[in-house]
């Protein structure tokens, strides 16, 4: 995407300085505008009361102001997790999740409307890809939740609907903006980006040498098992994907996270655990074991608790860090894509 086609909330501070200069305004107006958008989280130009009215009118004429509309919020009775459904300007919907942990508040955001990756156990992909989200639409999910909860977001996970690395340029701009000291200034070390394994973009991201965590949706310990669950495996061999993970660590020094959804009777056996140990041997990594979140359109079931713990034990015996992810918001359409899809069915 060309810079000129970005909306104003997707522009960097240096780009906004150029916009302000082109309007014949004083340079300091750029910093004020940027702060209104990314620190004070203004909903519209009208709220920017220290900007001249004439400037606000010019901006409104030339640059539509991206804001999301809150459609519904589900709050978990189990753990207080909040699931948001937001409407975009074009009538599409995206989901975001707010989670409270002892180490701070985390927001899980979407990077696309829908998804074309086709992972068998995910509701996000059932209707395919609608479109990419802009940087502003990714940022605005965080801003909306911050305004709603009145609390600071300290951790961001790009693990909602969509494949972030399938929206690479917008994602990269979002990452730089959300960690910009002039904006929310969220530490890159507190940002995780999940991918199902688009190898060339994993390597591109590694070369940026950001300090974010890369999380690979692995879900299978062999090429055959991964192909069964993830169509992307037909394009990228598992060895190719793991090689890209090793490259990411070499370039950034950041430990890679593997997401491994445990599906009962499919990828949770002792043999699967042994194969996984061999696959990632010697790689500085951490494994999140996730009992799969059932969706009505698929017949996959979560692994039994004893199988989950047995799987974890086998990894730890090989000195591989593995944790069983705490399940958040299961009573509120917690899995990616469930709320958006259910709302669509009702309308």
C-alpha atoms as a PDB file:
ATOM      1  CA  UNK A   1       0.000   0.000   0.000  1.00  0.00           C
ATOM      2  CA  UNK A   2       1.297   3.462  -0.897  1.00  0.00           C
ATOM      3  CA  UNK A   3       1.795   5.885   1.971  1.00  0.00           C
ATOM      4  CA  UNK A   4      -0.565   8.415   0.343  1.00  0.00           C
ATOM      5  CA  UNK A   5      -3.479   5.985   0.647  1.00  0.00           C
ATOM      6  CA  UNK A   6      -3.199   5.609   4.405  1.00  0.00           C
ATOM      7  CA  UNK A   7      -5.859   7.251   6.548  1.00  0.00           C
ATOM      8  CA  UNK A   8      -4.609   9.843   9.001  1.00  0.00           C
ATOM      9  CA  UNK A   9      -4.713   7.556  12.050  1.00  0.00           C
ATOM     10  CA  UNK A  10      -2.480   5.096  10.166  1.00  0.00           C
ATOM     11  CA  UNK A  11       0.170   7.754   9.492  1.00  0.00           C
ATOM     12  CA  UNK A  12       3.423   8.087  11.405  1.00  0.00           C
ATOM     13  CA  UNK A  13       4.310  11.325  13.146  1.00  0.00           C
ATOM     14  CA  UNK A  14       6.752  12.264  10.376  1.00  0.00           C
ATOM     15  CA  UNK A  15       4.032  11.736   7.758  1.00  0.00           C
ATOM     16  CA  UNK A  16       1.604  13.878   9.739  1.00  0.00           C
ATOM     17  CA  UNK A  17       4.241  16.634   9.911  1.00  0.00           C
ATOM     18  CA  UNK A  18       4.253  16.602   6.108  1.00  0.00           C
ATOM     19  CA  UNK A  19       0.437  16.826   6.025  1.00  0.00           C
ATOM     20  CA  UNK A  20       0.396  19.737   8.467  1.00  0.00           C
ATOM     21  CA  UNK A  21       3.116  21.580   6.543  1.00  0.00           C
ATOM     22  CA  UNK A  22       1.163  21.142   3.296  1.00  0.00           C
ATOM     23  CA  UNK A  23      -1.759  22.923   4.968  1.00  0.00           C
ATOM     24  CA  UNK A  24       0.436  25.878   5.916  1.00  0.00           C
ATOM     25  CA  UNK A  25       0.097  25.189   9.639  1.00  0.00           C
ATOM     26  CA  UNK A  26       2.772  25.533  12.308  1.00  0.00           C
ATOM     27  CA  UNK A  27       4.882  22.362  12.824  1.00  0.00           C
ATOM     28  CA  UNK A  28       3.823  21.877  16.471  1.00  0.00           C
ATOM     29  CA  UNK A  29       0.260  21.169  15.295  1.00  0.00           C
ATOM     30  CA  UNK A  30       1.445  17.769  14.036  1.00  0.00           C
ATOM     31  CA  UNK A  31       2.487  16.663  17.513  1.00  0.00           C
ATOM     32  CA  UNK A  32      -0.813  17.904  18.943  1.00  0.00           C
ATOM     33  CA  UNK A  33      -2.803  15.991  16.323  1.00  0.00           C
ATOM     34  CA  UNK A  34      -0.780  12.811  16.847  1.00  0.00           C
ATOM     35  CA  UNK A  35      -1.240  13.052  20.617  1.00  0.00           C
ATOM     36  CA  UNK A  36      -4.995  13.508  20.281  1.00  0.00           C
ATOM     37  CA  UNK A  37      -5.207  10.346  18.189  1.00  0.00           C
ATOM     38  CA  UNK A  38      -2.747   8.043  19.944  1.00  0.00           C
ATOM     39  CA  UNK A  39      -2.460   9.267  23.560  1.00  0.00           C
ATOM     40  CA  UNK A  40      -5.746  10.989  24.370  1.00  0.00           C
ATOM     41  CA  UNK A  41      -7.587   8.521  22.099  1.00  0.00           C
ATOM     42  CA  UNK A  42      -9.941  11.105  20.605  1.00  0.00           C
ATOM     43  CA  UNK A  43     -13.025   9.687  18.872  1.00  0.00           C
ATOM     44  CA  UNK A  44     -13.239  12.516  16.322  1.00  0.00           C
ATOM     45  CA  UNK A  45     -11.634  15.742  15.144  1.00  0.00           C
ATOM     46  CA  UNK A  46     -14.268  17.653  17.121  1.00  0.00           C
ATOM     47  CA  UNK A  47     -12.693  16.519  20.389  1.00  0.00           C
ATOM     48  CA  UNK A  48      -9.334  18.093  19.464  1.00  0.00           C
ATOM     49  CA  UNK A  49     -10.142  21.385  21.143  1.00  0.00           C
ATOM     50  CA  UNK A  50      -6.649  22.946  21.021  1.00  0.00           C
ATOM     51  CA  UNK A  51      -6.535  22.640  17.208  1.00  0.00           C
ATOM     52  CA  UNK A  52      -7.971  25.585  15.236  1.00  0.00           C
ATOM     53  CA  UNK A  53     -11.474  24.905  13.958  1.00  0.00           C
ATOM     54  CA  UNK A  54     -10.347  25.721  10.405  1.00  0.00           C
ATOM     55  CA  UNK A  55      -7.643  23.039  10.600  1.00  0.00           C
ATOM     56  CA  UNK A  56     -10.093  20.465  11.945  1.00  0.00           C
ATOM     57  CA  UNK A  57     -12.453  21.226   9.084  1.00  0.00           C
ATOM     58  CA  UNK A  58      -9.662  20.866   6.511  1.00  0.00           C
ATOM     59  CA  UNK A  59      -8.595  17.559   8.022  1.00  0.00           C
ATOM     60  CA  UNK A  60     -12.161  16.239   8.058  1.00  0.00           C
ATOM     61  CA  UNK A  61     -12.583  17.080   4.374  1.00  0.00           C
ATOM     62  CA  UNK A  62      -9.331  15.416   3.295  1.00  0.00           C
ATOM     63  CA  UNK A  63      -8.840  12.571   5.763  1.00  0.00           C
ATOM     64  CA  UNK A  64     -11.698  10.406   7.073  1.00  0.00           C
ATOM     65  CA  UNK A  65     -11.211   9.704  10.763  1.00  0.00           C
ATOM     66  CA  UNK A  66     -11.256   5.989  11.596  1.00  0.00           C
ATOM     67  CA  UNK A  67     -13.254   5.009  14.667  1.00  0.00           C
ATOM     68  CA  UNK A  68     -14.863   1.675  15.421  1.00  0.00           C
ATOM     69  CA  UNK A  69     -18.386   1.259  16.750  1.00  0.00           C
ATOM     70  CA  UNK A  70     -19.016  -0.990  19.718  1.00  0.00           C
ATOM     71  CA  UNK A  71     -21.687  -3.547  18.811  1.00  0.00           C
ATOM     72  CA  UNK A  72     -21.703  -5.858  21.810  1.00  0.00           C
ATOM     73  CA  UNK A  73     -19.578  -6.890  24.787  1.00  0.00           C
ATOM     74  CA  UNK A  74     -19.687 -10.295  26.430  1.00  0.00           C
ATOM     75  CA  UNK A  75     -18.198 -10.565  29.927  1.00  0.00           C
ATOM     76  CA  UNK A  76     -17.127 -13.934  31.299  1.00  0.00           C
ATOM     77  CA  UNK A  77     -18.643 -14.926  34.622  1.00  0.00           C
ATOM     78  CA  UNK A  78     -15.662 -17.244  35.083  1.00  0.00           C
ATOM     79  CA  UNK A  79     -12.727 -14.819  34.900  1.00  0.00           C
ATOM     80  CA  UNK A  80     -13.911 -11.335  33.856  1.00  0.00           C
ATOM     81  CA  UNK A  81     -12.580 -11.681  30.307  1.00  0.00           C
ATOM     82  CA  UNK A  82     -14.391  -9.345  27.919  1.00  0.00           C
ATOM     83  CA  UNK A  83     -15.107 -10.210  24.294  1.00  0.00           C
ATOM     84  CA  UNK A  84     -15.844  -7.227  22.059  1.00  0.00           C
ATOM     85  CA  UNK A  85     -17.528  -7.091  18.688  1.00  0.00           C
ATOM     86  CA  UNK A  86     -16.732  -3.906  16.782  1.00  0.00           C
ATOM     87  CA  UNK A  87     -18.292  -2.593  13.574  1.00  0.00           C
ATOM     88  CA  UNK A  88     -16.026  -1.136  10.903  1.00  0.00           C
ATOM     89  CA  UNK A  89     -16.988   1.782   8.681  1.00  0.00           C
ATOM     90  CA  UNK A  90     -17.800  -0.536   5.758  1.00  0.00           C
ATOM     91  CA  UNK A  91     -20.228  -2.684   7.749  1.00  0.00           C
ATOM     92  CA  UNK A  92     -17.803  -5.525   8.505  1.00  0.00           C
ATOM     93  CA  UNK A  93     -17.184  -6.752  12.044  1.00  0.00           C
ATOM     94  CA  UNK A  94     -14.082  -7.653  14.044  1.00  0.00           C
ATOM     95  CA  UNK A  95     -13.546  -9.237  17.439  1.00  0.00           C
ATOM     96  CA  UNK A  96     -11.156  -8.315  20.220  1.00  0.00           C
ATOM     97  CA  UNK A  97     -10.624  -9.733  23.701  1.00  0.00           C
ATOM     98  CA  UNK A  98      -9.576  -8.071  26.967  1.00  0.00           C
ATOM     99  CA  UNK A  99      -7.963 -10.330  29.574  1.00  0.00           C
ATOM    100  CA  UNK A 100      -6.756  -9.551  33.074  1.00  0.00           C
ATOM    101  CA  UNK A 101      -3.621 -11.266  34.327  1.00  0.00           C
ATOM    102  CA  UNK A 102      -1.485 -10.684  37.396  1.00  0.00           C
ATOM    103  CA  UNK A 103       1.204  -9.173  35.143  1.00  0.00           C
ATOM    104  CA  UNK A 104      -1.171  -6.649  33.549  1.00  0.00           C
ATOM    105  CA  UNK A 105      -4.030  -6.226  31.109  1.00  0.00           C
ATOM    106  CA  UNK A 106      -3.762  -7.950  27.743  1.00  0.00           C
ATOM    107  CA  UNK A 107      -5.716  -7.248  24.576  1.00  0.00           C
ATOM    108  CA  UNK A 108      -5.978  -9.779  21.760  1.00  0.00           C
ATOM    109  CA  UNK A 109      -6.735  -8.058  18.466  1.00  0.00           C
ATOM    110  CA  UNK A 110      -7.744  -9.128  14.966  1.00  0.00           C
ATOM    111  CA  UNK A 111      -5.638  -8.320  11.903  1.00  0.00           C
ATOM    112  CA  UNK A 112      -8.117  -9.219   9.145  1.00  0.00           C
ATOM    113  CA  UNK A 113     -11.851  -9.512   8.585  1.00  0.00           C
ATOM    114  CA  UNK A 114     -12.095 -13.274   8.264  1.00  0.00           C
ATOM    115  CA  UNK A 115      -9.167 -15.468   7.272  1.00  0.00           C
ATOM    116  CA  UNK A 116      -8.152 -17.565   4.285  1.00  0.00           C
ATOM    117  CA  UNK A 117      -5.749 -19.949   6.035  1.00  0.00           C
ATOM    118  CA  UNK A 118      -8.376 -22.659   6.542  1.00  0.00           C
ATOM    119  CA  UNK A 119      -7.160 -24.169   9.845  1.00  0.00           C
ATOM    120  CA  UNK A 120      -9.573 -27.002  10.591  1.00  0.00           C
ATOM    121  CA  UNK A 121     -10.368 -26.136  14.207  1.00  0.00           C
ATOM    122  CA  UNK A 122     -10.807 -22.351  13.843  1.00  0.00           C
ATOM    123  CA  UNK A 123     -14.106 -20.489  13.419  1.00  0.00           C
ATOM    124  CA  UNK A 124     -12.361 -17.434  11.930  1.00  0.00           C
ATOM    125  CA  UNK A 125     -11.702 -19.160   8.655  1.00  0.00           C
ATOM    126  CA  UNK A 126     -15.113 -20.707   7.982  1.00  0.00           C
ATOM    127  CA  UNK A 127     -16.310 -17.865   5.738  1.00  0.00           C
ATOM    128  CA  UNK A 128     -12.944 -17.051   4.179  1.00  0.00           C
ATOM    129  CA  UNK A 129     -11.118 -13.712   3.990  1.00  0.00           C
ATOM    130  CA  UNK A 130     -13.125 -10.517   3.575  1.00  0.00           C
ATOM    131  CA  UNK A 131     -10.270  -7.971   3.696  1.00  0.00           C
ATOM    132  CA  UNK A 132      -7.173  -6.771   5.553  1.00  0.00           C
ATOM    133  CA  UNK A 133      -7.413  -4.345   8.460  1.00  0.00           C
ATOM    134  CA  UNK A 134      -5.567  -1.044   8.266  1.00  0.00           C
ATOM    135  CA  UNK A 135      -3.075  -0.034  10.975  1.00  0.00           C
ATOM    136  CA  UNK A 136      -5.663   2.386  12.372  1.00  0.00           C
ATOM    137  CA  UNK A 137      -8.283  -0.371  12.623  1.00  0.00           C
ATOM    138  CA  UNK A 138      -5.840  -2.526  14.560  1.00  0.00           C
ATOM    139  CA  UNK A 139      -4.872   0.362  16.847  1.00  0.00           C
ATOM    140  CA  UNK A 140      -8.495   1.378  17.327  1.00  0.00           C
ATOM    141  CA  UNK A 141      -9.389  -2.024  18.805  1.00  0.00           C
ATOM    142  CA  UNK A 142      -6.922  -1.286  21.613  1.00  0.00           C
ATOM    143  CA  UNK A 143      -8.092   2.307  21.965  1.00  0.00           C
ATOM    144  CA  UNK A 144     -11.761   1.298  22.186  1.00  0.00           C
ATOM    145  CA  UNK A 145     -11.026  -1.235  24.914  1.00  0.00           C
ATOM    146  CA  UNK A 146      -8.867   1.256  26.833  1.00  0.00           C
ATOM    147  CA  UNK A 147     -11.699   3.779  26.745  1.00  0.00           C
ATOM    148  CA  UNK A 148     -14.273   1.165  27.746  1.00  0.00           C
ATOM    149  CA  UNK A 149     -12.354  -0.304  30.681  1.00  0.00           C
ATOM    150  CA  UNK A 150     -10.632   2.904  31.790  1.00  0.00           C
ATOM    151  CA  UNK A 151      -7.446   0.871  32.225  1.00  0.00           C
ATOM    152  CA  UNK A 152      -4.082   0.869  30.529  1.00  0.00           C
ATOM    153  CA  UNK A 153      -3.289  -1.989  28.188  1.00  0.00           C
ATOM    154  CA  UNK A 154       0.172  -3.366  28.893  1.00  0.00           C
ATOM    155  CA  UNK A 155       0.285  -6.421  26.618  1.00  0.00           C
ATOM    156  CA  UNK A 156      -0.889  -6.938  23.038  1.00  0.00           C
ATOM    157  CA  UNK A 157      -1.434 -10.215  21.262  1.00  0.00           C
ATOM    158  CA  UNK A 158      -2.111 -10.174  17.516  1.00  0.00           C
ATOM    159  CA  UNK A 159      -3.814 -13.534  17.633  1.00  0.00           C
ATOM    160  CA  UNK A 160      -7.469 -12.784  16.916  1.00  0.00           C
ATOM    161  CA  UNK A 161      -9.215 -13.241  13.593  1.00  0.00           C
ATOM    162  CA  UNK A 162      -6.907 -13.307  10.578  1.00  0.00           C
ATOM    163  CA  UNK A 163      -3.330 -14.239   9.732  1.00  0.00           C
ATOM    164  CA  UNK A 164      -1.160 -11.230  10.666  1.00  0.00           C
ATOM    165  CA  UNK A 165       1.647 -12.078   8.245  1.00  0.00           C
ATOM    166  CA  UNK A 166      -0.894 -12.253   5.411  1.00  0.00           C
ATOM    167  CA  UNK A 167      -1.373  -8.520   6.116  1.00  0.00           C
ATOM    168  CA  UNK A 168       2.341  -7.867   6.464  1.00  0.00           C
ATOM    169  CA  UNK A 169       2.774  -4.178   5.550  1.00  0.00           C
ATOM    170  CA  UNK A 170      -0.160  -2.997   7.668  1.00  0.00           C
ATOM    171  CA  UNK A 171       0.967  -5.195  10.557  1.00  0.00           C
ATOM    172  CA  UNK A 172       4.511  -3.828  10.472  1.00  0.00           C
ATOM    173  CA  UNK A 173       3.277  -0.236  10.488  1.00  0.00           C
ATOM    174  CA  UNK A 174       0.945  -1.073  13.388  1.00  0.00           C
ATOM    175  CA  UNK A 175       3.830  -2.585  15.390  1.00  0.00           C
ATOM    176  CA  UNK A 176       5.997   0.497  14.976  1.00  0.00           C
ATOM    177  CA  UNK A 177       3.125   2.834  15.823  1.00  0.00           C
ATOM    178  CA  UNK A 178       1.834   1.026  18.907  1.00  0.00           C
ATOM    179  CA  UNK A 179       5.367   0.922  20.361  1.00  0.00           C
ATOM    180  CA  UNK A 180       6.150   4.529  19.358  1.00  0.00           C
ATOM    181  CA  UNK A 181       7.181   6.674  22.328  1.00  0.00           C
ATOM    182  CA  UNK A 182       4.889   9.418  21.003  1.00  0.00           C
ATOM    183  CA  UNK A 183       1.849   7.107  21.155  1.00  0.00           C
ATOM    184  CA  UNK A 184       0.817   4.341  23.550  1.00  0.00           C
ATOM    185  CA  UNK A 185       4.500   3.456  23.917  1.00  0.00           C
ATOM    186  CA  UNK A 186       3.854  -0.227  24.624  1.00  0.00           C
ATOM    187  CA  UNK A 187       7.095  -2.148  24.958  1.00  0.00           C
ATOM    188  CA  UNK A 188       7.801  -4.397  21.985  1.00  0.00           C
ATOM    189  CA  UNK A 189       8.708  -7.110  24.488  1.00  0.00           C
ATOM    190  CA  UNK A 190       5.040  -7.049  25.545  1.00  0.00           C
ATOM    191  CA  UNK A 191       3.756  -7.673  22.013  1.00  0.00           C
ATOM    192  CA  UNK A 192       3.186 -11.121  20.511  1.00  0.00           C
ATOM    193  CA  UNK A 193       2.397 -11.787  16.852  1.00  0.00           C
ATOM    194  CA  UNK A 194       0.963 -15.167  15.919  1.00  0.00           C
ATOM    195  CA  UNK A 195       1.391 -16.815  12.536  1.00  0.00           C
ATOM    196  CA  UNK A 196       0.446 -20.140  11.009  1.00  0.00           C
ATOM    197  CA  UNK A 197       3.782 -20.064   9.201  1.00  0.00           C
ATOM    198  CA  UNK A 198       4.122 -17.827   6.128  1.00  0.00           C
ATOM    199  CA  UNK A 199       7.837 -18.493   5.824  1.00  0.00           C
ATOM    200  CA  UNK A 200       9.004 -15.597   3.642  1.00  0.00           C
ATOM    201  CA  UNK A 201       7.272 -13.059   5.885  1.00  0.00           C
ATOM    202  CA  UNK A 202       8.605 -14.694   9.048  1.00  0.00           C
ATOM    203  CA  UNK A 203      12.064 -14.099   7.622  1.00  0.00           C
ATOM    204  CA  UNK A 204      11.207 -10.520   6.598  1.00  0.00           C
ATOM    205  CA  UNK A 205       9.966  -9.829  10.120  1.00  0.00           C
ATOM    206  CA  UNK A 206      13.165 -11.304  11.583  1.00  0.00           C
ATOM    207  CA  UNK A 207      15.246  -8.821   9.581  1.00  0.00           C
ATOM    208  CA  UNK A 208      13.364  -5.918  11.197  1.00  0.00           C
ATOM    209  CA  UNK A 209      14.990  -7.029  14.479  1.00  0.00           C
ATOM    210  CA  UNK A 210      11.984  -5.997  16.527  1.00  0.00           C
ATOM    211  CA  UNK A 211      11.837  -7.212  20.116  1.00  0.00           C
ATOM    212  CA  UNK A 212       8.364  -8.718  19.776  1.00  0.00           C
ATOM    213  CA  UNK A 213       7.596 -12.385  20.426  1.00  0.00           C
ATOM    214  CA  UNK A 214       6.844 -14.516  17.391  1.00  0.00           C
ATOM    215  CA  UNK A 215       4.312 -17.262  18.089  1.00  0.00           C
ATOM    216  CA  UNK A 216       3.990 -20.059  15.557  1.00  0.00           C
ATOM    217  CA  UNK A 217       0.753 -22.022  15.355  1.00  0.00           C
ATOM    218  CA  UNK A 218       2.326 -25.449  15.029  1.00  0.00           C
ATOM    219  CA  UNK A 219      -0.408 -27.926  16.059  1.00  0.00           C
ATOM    220  CA  UNK A 220       1.335 -30.943  14.562  1.00  0.00           C
ATOM    221  CA  UNK A 221       4.677 -32.647  15.212  1.00  0.00           C
ATOM    222  CA  UNK A 222       5.083 -34.072  11.703  1.00  0.00           C
ATOM    223  CA  UNK A 223       4.352 -32.784   8.223  1.00  0.00           C
ATOM    224  CA  UNK A 224       1.498 -35.272   7.838  1.00  0.00           C
ATOM    225  CA  UNK A 225      -0.203 -34.324  11.106  1.00  0.00           C
ATOM    226  CA  UNK A 226       0.184 -30.619  10.372  1.00  0.00           C
ATOM    227  CA  UNK A 227      -1.302 -31.046   6.896  1.00  0.00           C
ATOM    228  CA  UNK A 228      -4.320 -32.751   8.434  1.00  0.00           C
ATOM    229  CA  UNK A 229      -5.078 -29.707  10.599  1.00  0.00           C
ATOM    230  CA  UNK A 230      -3.593 -26.797   8.643  1.00  0.00           C
ATOM    231  CA  UNK A 231      -3.838 -26.357   4.856  1.00  0.00           C
ATOM    232  CA  UNK A 232      -0.922 -23.874   4.981  1.00  0.00           C
ATOM    233  CA  UNK A 233       1.284 -26.950   5.550  1.00  0.00           C
ATOM    234  CA  UNK A 234       0.657 -27.933   1.934  1.00  0.00           C
ATOM    235  CA  UNK A 235       2.547 -24.799   0.923  1.00  0.00           C
ATOM    236  CA  UNK A 236       5.313 -24.800   3.520  1.00  0.00           C
ATOM    237  CA  UNK A 237       6.972 -27.964   4.796  1.00  0.00           C
ATOM    238  CA  UNK A 238       7.276 -28.226   8.558  1.00  0.00           C
ATOM    239  CA  UNK A 239      11.097 -28.269   8.394  1.00  0.00           C
ATOM    240  CA  UNK A 240      10.997 -25.033   6.387  1.00  0.00           C
ATOM    241  CA  UNK A 241       8.802 -23.378   9.021  1.00  0.00           C
ATOM    242  CA  UNK A 242      10.986 -24.513  11.934  1.00  0.00           C
ATOM    243  CA  UNK A 243      14.057 -23.264  10.056  1.00  0.00           C
ATOM    244  CA  UNK A 244      12.398 -19.832   9.824  1.00  0.00           C
ATOM    245  CA  UNK A 245      11.795 -19.947  13.598  1.00  0.00           C
ATOM    246  CA  UNK A 246      15.485 -20.665  14.197  1.00  0.00           C
ATOM    247  CA  UNK A 247      16.343 -17.753  11.898  1.00  0.00           C
ATOM    248  CA  UNK A 248      14.013 -15.464  13.862  1.00  0.00           C
ATOM    249  CA  UNK A 249      15.839 -16.302  17.080  1.00  0.00           C
ATOM    250  CA  UNK A 250      19.237 -15.805  15.444  1.00  0.00           C
ATOM    251  CA  UNK A 251      18.261 -12.369  14.152  1.00  0.00           C
ATOM    252  CA  UNK A 252      16.407 -11.045  17.206  1.00  0.00           C
ATOM    253  CA  UNK A 253      17.570 -13.059  20.219  1.00  0.00           C
ATOM    254  CA  UNK A 254      13.889 -13.489  21.075  1.00  0.00           C
ATOM    255  CA  UNK A 255      12.671 -16.879  22.214  1.00  0.00           C
ATOM    256  CA  UNK A 256      10.027 -18.290  19.876  1.00  0.00           C
ATOM    257  CA  UNK A 257       6.668 -19.472  21.198  1.00  0.00           C
ATOM    258  CA  UNK A 258       4.910 -22.482  19.705  1.00  0.00           C
ATOM    259  CA  UNK A 259       1.137 -22.692  19.956  1.00  0.00           C
ATOM    260  CA  UNK A 260       0.047 -26.327  20.016  1.00  0.00           C
ATOM    261  CA  UNK A 261      -3.708 -26.981  20.131  1.00  0.00           C
ATOM    262  CA  UNK A 262      -4.321 -30.430  21.575  1.00  0.00           C
ATOM    263  CA  UNK A 263      -7.079 -32.236  19.699  1.00  0.00           C
ATOM    264  CA  UNK A 264      -8.320 -35.411  21.326  1.00  0.00           C
ATOM    265  CA  UNK A 265      -7.068 -38.495  19.495  1.00  0.00           C
ATOM    266  CA  UNK A 266      -5.502 -36.458  16.694  1.00  0.00           C
ATOM    267  CA  UNK A 267      -2.225 -34.891  17.870  1.00  0.00           C
ATOM    268  CA  UNK A 268      -2.012 -35.597  21.606  1.00  0.00           C
ATOM    269  CA  UNK A 269      -0.379 -39.045  21.777  1.00  0.00           C
ATOM    270  CA  UNK A 270       2.944 -40.019  23.321  1.00  0.00           C
ATOM    271  CA  UNK A 271       4.334 -40.463  19.825  1.00  0.00           C
ATOM    272  CA  UNK A 272       3.255 -36.916  18.942  1.00  0.00           C
ATOM    273  CA  UNK A 273       5.099 -35.609  21.992  1.00  0.00           C
ATOM    274  CA  UNK A 274       8.271 -37.527  21.108  1.00  0.00           C
ATOM    275  CA  UNK A 275       8.162 -36.290  17.517  1.00  0.00           C
ATOM    276  CA  UNK A 276       7.680 -32.730  18.719  1.00  0.00           C
ATOM    277  CA  UNK A 277      10.741 -32.975  20.952  1.00  0.00           C
ATOM    278  CA  UNK A 278      12.843 -34.108  17.991  1.00  0.00           C
ATOM    279  CA  UNK A 279      11.450 -31.390  15.716  1.00  0.00           C
ATOM    280  CA  UNK A 280      12.394 -28.460  17.939  1.00  0.00           C
ATOM    281  CA  UNK A 281      15.503 -29.893  19.598  1.00  0.00           C
ATOM    282  CA  UNK A 282      18.064 -27.202  20.431  1.00  0.00           C
ATOM    283  CA  UNK A 283      15.754 -24.277  19.664  1.00  0.00           C
ATOM    284  CA  UNK A 284      15.282 -21.635  22.361  1.00  0.00           C
ATOM    285  CA  UNK A 285      11.513 -21.792  22.617  1.00  0.00           C
ATOM    286  CA  UNK A 286       8.450 -22.104  24.776  1.00  0.00           C
ATOM    287  CA  UNK A 287       5.384 -24.219  24.036  1.00  0.00           C
ATOM    288  CA  UNK A 288       1.816 -23.216  24.851  1.00  0.00           C
ATOM    289  CA  UNK A 289      -0.337 -26.317  25.053  1.00  0.00           C
ATOM    290  CA  UNK A 290      -3.949 -25.374  24.288  1.00  0.00           C
ATOM    291  CA  UNK A 291      -6.845 -27.781  24.743  1.00  0.00           C
ATOM    292  CA  UNK A 292      -8.753 -27.038  21.530  1.00  0.00           C
ATOM    293  CA  UNK A 293     -11.785 -24.786  21.912  1.00  0.00           C
ATOM    294  CA  UNK A 294     -14.675 -26.740  20.307  1.00  0.00           C
ATOM    295  CA  UNK A 295     -16.698 -25.028  17.573  1.00  0.00           C
ATOM    296  CA  UNK A 296     -20.041 -26.356  16.387  1.00  0.00           C
ATOM    297  CA  UNK A 297     -18.989 -26.497  12.723  1.00  0.00           C
ATOM    298  CA  UNK A 298     -16.207 -29.016  13.411  1.00  0.00           C
ATOM    299  CA  UNK A 299     -16.185 -32.309  15.280  1.00  0.00           C
ATOM    300  CA  UNK A 300     -12.824 -31.893  17.003  1.00  0.00           C
ATOM    301  CA  UNK A 301     -12.792 -32.336  20.758  1.00  0.00           C
ATOM    302  CA  UNK A 302     -10.348 -31.170  23.410  1.00  0.00           C
ATOM    303  CA  UNK A 303      -7.860 -33.679  24.771  1.00  0.00           C
ATOM    304  CA  UNK A 304      -8.567 -35.281  28.128  1.00  0.00           C
ATOM    305  CA  UNK A 305      -6.874 -33.524  31.053  1.00  0.00           C
ATOM    306  CA  UNK A 306      -4.648 -36.525  31.774  1.00  0.00           C
ATOM    307  CA  UNK A 307      -3.465 -36.583  28.143  1.00  0.00           C
ATOM    308  CA  UNK A 308      -2.650 -32.872  28.278  1.00  0.00           C
ATOM    309  CA  UNK A 309      -0.581 -33.296  31.443  1.00  0.00           C
ATOM    310  CA  UNK A 310       1.132 -36.398  30.084  1.00  0.00           C
ATOM    311  CA  UNK A 311       2.039 -34.496  26.903  1.00  0.00           C
ATOM    312  CA  UNK A 312       3.448 -31.634  28.964  1.00  0.00           C
ATOM    313  CA  UNK A 313       5.437 -34.019  31.154  1.00  0.00           C
ATOM    314  CA  UNK A 314       7.099 -35.666  28.155  1.00  0.00           C
ATOM    315  CA  UNK A 315       8.221 -32.276  26.829  1.00  0.00           C
ATOM    316  CA  UNK A 316       9.582 -31.186  30.190  1.00  0.00           C
ATOM    317  CA  UNK A 317      11.584 -34.402  30.527  1.00  0.00           C
ATOM    318  CA  UNK A 318      13.400 -33.260  27.366  1.00  0.00           C
ATOM    319  CA  UNK A 319      13.987 -29.844  29.030  1.00  0.00           C
ATOM    320  CA  UNK A 320      11.479 -28.053  26.798  1.00  0.00           C
ATOM    321  CA  UNK A 321       9.513 -25.271  28.479  1.00  0.00           C
ATOM    322  CA  UNK A 322       5.815 -26.084  28.186  1.00  0.00           C
ATOM    323  CA  UNK A 323       2.770 -24.615  29.872  1.00  0.00           C
ATOM    324  CA  UNK A 324      -0.904 -25.446  29.578  1.00  0.00           C
ATOM    325  CA  UNK A 325      -2.622 -22.225  28.631  1.00  0.00           C
ATOM    326  CA  UNK A 326      -5.181 -20.996  31.106  1.00  0.00           C
ATOM    327  CA  UNK A 327      -8.520 -21.046  29.324  1.00  0.00           C
ATOM    328  CA  UNK A 328     -10.049 -17.572  29.221  1.00  0.00           C
ATOM    329  CA  UNK A 329     -13.611 -16.706  28.303  1.00  0.00           C
ATOM    330  CA  UNK A 330     -14.832 -20.115  27.231  1.00  0.00           C
ATOM    331  CA  UNK A 331     -18.353 -19.180  28.345  1.00  0.00           C
ATOM    332  CA  UNK A 332     -18.435 -16.122  26.020  1.00  0.00           C
ATOM    333  CA  UNK A 333     -17.662 -17.383  22.503  1.00  0.00           C
ATOM    334  CA  UNK A 334     -14.004 -17.246  23.476  1.00  0.00           C
ATOM    335  CA  UNK A 335     -12.570 -18.880  20.365  1.00  0.00           C
ATOM    336  CA  UNK A 336     -11.516 -16.670  17.463  1.00  0.00           C
ATOM    337  CA  UNK A 337     -14.363 -15.921  15.101  1.00  0.00           C
ATOM    338  CA  UNK A 338     -17.197 -17.386  17.165  1.00  0.00           C
ATOM    339  CA  UNK A 339     -18.831 -14.126  18.225  1.00  0.00           C
ATOM    340  CA  UNK A 340     -18.539 -12.442  14.810  1.00  0.00           C
ATOM    341  CA  UNK A 341     -19.983 -15.496  13.095  1.00  0.00           C
ATOM    342  CA  UNK A 342     -22.842 -15.934  15.565  1.00  0.00           C
ATOM    343  CA  UNK A 343     -23.747 -12.244  15.280  1.00  0.00           C
ATOM    344  CA  UNK A 344     -23.738 -12.554  11.490  1.00  0.00           C
ATOM    345  CA  UNK A 345     -26.114 -15.508  11.695  1.00  0.00           C
ATOM    346  CA  UNK A 346     -28.569 -13.429  13.750  1.00  0.00           C
ATOM    347  CA  UNK A 347     -28.609 -10.511  11.287  1.00  0.00           C
END
